[in-house]
C-alpha atoms as a PDB file:
ATOM      1  CA  MET A   1    -117.595 -34.777  29.826  1.00  0.00           C
ATOM      2  CA  ARG A   2    -119.784 -37.524  31.294  1.00  0.00           C
ATOM      3  CA  GLY A   3    -120.287 -39.031  27.850  1.00  0.00           C
ATOM      4  CA  PHE A   4    -116.528 -39.223  27.327  1.00  0.00           C
ATOM      5  CA  ILE A   5    -116.005 -40.993  30.666  1.00  0.00           C
ATOM      6  CA  ASP A   6    -118.792 -43.459  29.868  1.00  0.00           C
ATOM      7  CA  PHE A   7    -117.214 -44.141  26.462  1.00  0.00           C
ATOM      8  CA  ILE A   8    -113.847 -44.884  28.070  1.00  0.00           C
ATOM      9  CA  ARG A   9    -115.396 -47.203  30.649  1.00  0.00           C
ATOM     10  CA  GLU A  10    -117.675 -49.049  28.213  1.00  0.00           C
ATOM     11  CA  LYS A  11    -115.076 -49.646  25.510  1.00  0.00           C
ATOM     12  CA  GLY A  12    -112.401 -50.945  27.876  1.00  0.00           C
ATOM     13  CA  VAL A  13    -109.926 -48.194  27.071  1.00  0.00           C
ATOM     14  CA  VAL A  14    -108.597 -48.220  30.628  1.00  0.00           C
ATOM     15  CA  GLY A  15    -107.727 -51.901  30.418  1.00  0.00           C
ATOM     16  CA  LEU A  16    -106.005 -51.402  27.095  1.00  0.00           C
ATOM     17  CA  ALA A  17    -103.994 -48.467  28.410  1.00  0.00           C
ATOM     18  CA  VAL A  18    -102.981 -50.387  31.524  1.00  0.00           C
ATOM     19  CA  GLY A  19    -101.885 -53.343  29.424  1.00  0.00           C
ATOM     20  CA  LEU A  20     -99.777 -51.187  27.132  1.00  0.00           C
ATOM     21  CA  VAL A  21     -98.106 -49.219  29.912  1.00  0.00           C
ATOM     22  CA  LEU A  22     -97.389 -52.191  32.140  1.00  0.00           C
ATOM     23  CA  GLY A  23     -96.345 -54.338  29.213  1.00  0.00           C
ATOM     24  CA  SER A  24     -93.787 -51.869  27.965  1.00  0.00           C
ATOM     25  CA  ALA A  25     -92.505 -51.092  31.454  1.00  0.00           C
ATOM     26  CA  ILE A  26     -92.136 -54.704  32.552  1.00  0.00           C
ATOM     27  CA  ALA A  27     -91.092 -56.318  29.265  1.00  0.00           C
ATOM     28  CA  LYS A  28     -87.441 -55.311  29.496  1.00  0.00           C
ATOM     29  CA  PHE A  29     -87.139 -56.473  33.098  1.00  0.00           C
ATOM     30  CA  VAL A  30     -88.802 -59.819  32.448  1.00  0.00           C
ATOM     31  CA  SER A  31     -86.748 -60.299  29.289  1.00  0.00           C
ATOM     32  CA  SER A  32     -83.605 -59.820  31.347  1.00  0.00           C
ATOM     33  CA  ILE A  33     -84.783 -62.399  33.883  1.00  0.00           C
ATOM     34  CA  VAL A  34     -85.464 -64.907  31.106  1.00  0.00           C
ATOM     35  CA  THR A  35     -82.125 -64.247  29.395  1.00  0.00           C
ATOM     36  CA  ASP A  36     -79.973 -64.111  32.537  1.00  0.00           C
ATOM     37  CA  ILE A  37     -81.658 -66.633  34.851  1.00  0.00           C
ATOM     38  CA  VAL A  38     -84.174 -68.921  33.135  1.00  0.00           C
ATOM     39  CA  SER A  39     -82.216 -69.618  29.946  1.00  0.00           C
ATOM     40  CA  PRO A  40     -79.002 -70.643  31.753  1.00  0.00           C
ATOM     41  CA  PHE A  41     -81.073 -72.866  34.050  1.00  0.00           C
ATOM     42  CA  ILE A  42     -82.667 -74.628  31.058  1.00  0.00           C
ATOM     43  CA  SER A  43     -79.253 -74.790  29.383  1.00  0.00           C
ATOM     44  CA  MET A  44     -77.970 -76.870  32.298  1.00  0.00           C
ATOM     45  CA  PHE A  45     -80.376 -79.631  31.258  1.00  0.00           C
ATOM     46  CA  THR A  46     -80.008 -79.298  27.480  1.00  0.00           C
ATOM     47  CA  GLY A  47     -76.211 -79.232  27.582  1.00  0.00           C
ATOM     48  CA  LYS A  48     -75.966 -76.036  25.536  1.00  0.00           C
ATOM     49  CA  ALA A  49     -73.981 -73.076  26.826  1.00  0.00           C
ATOM     50  CA  ASP A  50     -76.636 -70.687  25.539  1.00  0.00           C
ATOM     51  CA  LEU A  51     -80.285 -71.499  24.954  1.00  0.00           C
ATOM     52  CA  GLN A  52     -80.279 -69.269  21.855  1.00  0.00           C
ATOM     53  CA  THR A  53     -77.875 -71.690  20.162  1.00  0.00           C
ATOM     54  CA  TRP A  54     -80.292 -74.615  20.420  1.00  0.00           C
ATOM     55  CA  VAL A  55     -80.938 -75.227  16.709  1.00  0.00           C
ATOM     56  CA  LEU A  56     -82.486 -78.245  14.999  1.00  0.00           C
ATOM     57  CA  THR A  57     -81.119 -78.768  11.469  1.00  0.00           C
ATOM     58  CA  ILE A  58     -83.010 -80.897   8.947  1.00  0.00           C
ATOM     59  CA  ASN A  59     -81.818 -80.942   5.327  1.00  0.00           C
ATOM     60  CA  HIS A  60     -79.983 -77.608   5.682  1.00  0.00           C
ATOM     61  CA  ALA A  61     -83.061 -75.968   7.207  1.00  0.00           C
ATOM     62  CA  GLN A  62     -82.452 -74.527  10.669  1.00  0.00           C
ATOM     63  CA  PHE A  63     -85.203 -74.408  13.266  1.00  0.00           C
ATOM     64  CA  ARG A  64     -84.184 -72.092  16.110  1.00  0.00           C
ATOM     65  CA  LEU A  65     -85.910 -73.922  18.946  1.00  0.00           C
ATOM     66  CA  GLY A  66     -83.928 -72.139  21.653  1.00  0.00           C
ATOM     67  CA  ASP A  67     -84.946 -68.706  20.404  1.00  0.00           C
ATOM     68  CA  LEU A  68     -88.569 -69.825  20.143  1.00  0.00           C
ATOM     69  CA  LEU A  69     -88.533 -71.268  23.657  1.00  0.00           C
ATOM     70  CA  SER A  70     -86.890 -68.139  25.056  1.00  0.00           C
ATOM     71  CA  ASN A  71     -89.493 -65.882  23.433  1.00  0.00           C
ATOM     72  CA  LEU A  72     -92.331 -68.114  24.634  1.00  0.00           C
ATOM     73  CA  ILE A  73     -91.060 -67.988  28.217  1.00  0.00           C
ATOM     74  CA  ASP A  74     -90.625 -64.225  27.886  1.00  0.00           C
ATOM     75  CA  PHE A  75     -94.205 -63.769  26.618  1.00  0.00           C
ATOM     76  CA  LEU A  76     -95.764 -65.977  29.293  1.00  0.00           C
ATOM     77  CA  SER A  77     -93.785 -64.207  32.023  1.00  0.00           C
ATOM     78  CA  VAL A  78     -94.869 -60.741  30.876  1.00  0.00           C
ATOM     79  CA  ALA A  79     -98.493 -61.868  30.569  1.00  0.00           C
ATOM     80  CA  ALA A  80     -98.457 -63.358  34.077  1.00  0.00           C
ATOM     81  CA  VAL A  81     -96.930 -60.236  35.624  1.00  0.00           C
ATOM     82  CA  ILE A  82     -99.463 -57.967  33.906  1.00  0.00           C
ATOM     83  CA  TYR A  83    -102.327 -60.215  34.993  1.00  0.00           C
ATOM     84  CA  ILE A  84    -101.145 -60.162  38.607  1.00  0.00           C
ATOM     85  CA  PHE A  85    -100.794 -56.379  38.608  1.00  0.00           C
ATOM     86  CA  VAL A  86    -104.231 -55.801  37.087  1.00  0.00           C
ATOM     87  CA  VAL A  87    -105.972 -58.167  39.502  1.00  0.00           C
ATOM     88  CA  LYS A  88    -104.101 -57.044  42.650  1.00  0.00           C
ATOM     89  CA  LEU A  89    -104.646 -53.343  41.915  1.00  0.00           C
ATOM     90  CA  GLY A  90    -108.301 -53.933  41.095  1.00  0.00           C
ATOM     91  CA  LEU A  91    -107.947 -52.398  37.659  1.00  0.00           C
ATOM     92  CA  ASP A  92    -110.063 -55.148  36.144  1.00  0.00           C
ATOM     93  CA  LYS A  93    -113.109 -53.640  37.865  1.00  0.00           C
ATOM     94  CA  LEU A  94    -112.732 -50.162  36.346  1.00  0.00           C
ATOM     95  CA  ASP A  95    -114.463 -51.014  33.092  1.00  0.00           C
ATOM     96  CA  LYS A  96    -118.218 -50.548  33.130  1.00  0.00           C
ATOM     97  CA  LYS A  97    -120.219 -53.671  32.328  1.00  0.00           C
ATOM     98  CA  LYS A  98    -122.443 -53.435  29.266  1.00  0.00           C
ATOM     99  CA  THR A  99    -126.137 -53.839  30.000  1.00  0.00           C
END
């Protein structure tokens, strides 16, 4: 049993598990914040009613800049929330340092 616990601590399995659980639990909430609060706020400055409709068209090719920006904000928000949770709960210290 001790060997199994050492394996988990050395390979960083705890950190991976924490990232997956927190990421899946928080992703929907943060996505809602981005869609319902951040996107309309940015839309006030871009003049578009919906950030998702912000499209750049060049020679019949459409670049969905609004969708890209929304997903980028969503990703950065989820990453920041997970980082804060891991650091505040001290979960970053659970992994055993390799010697």
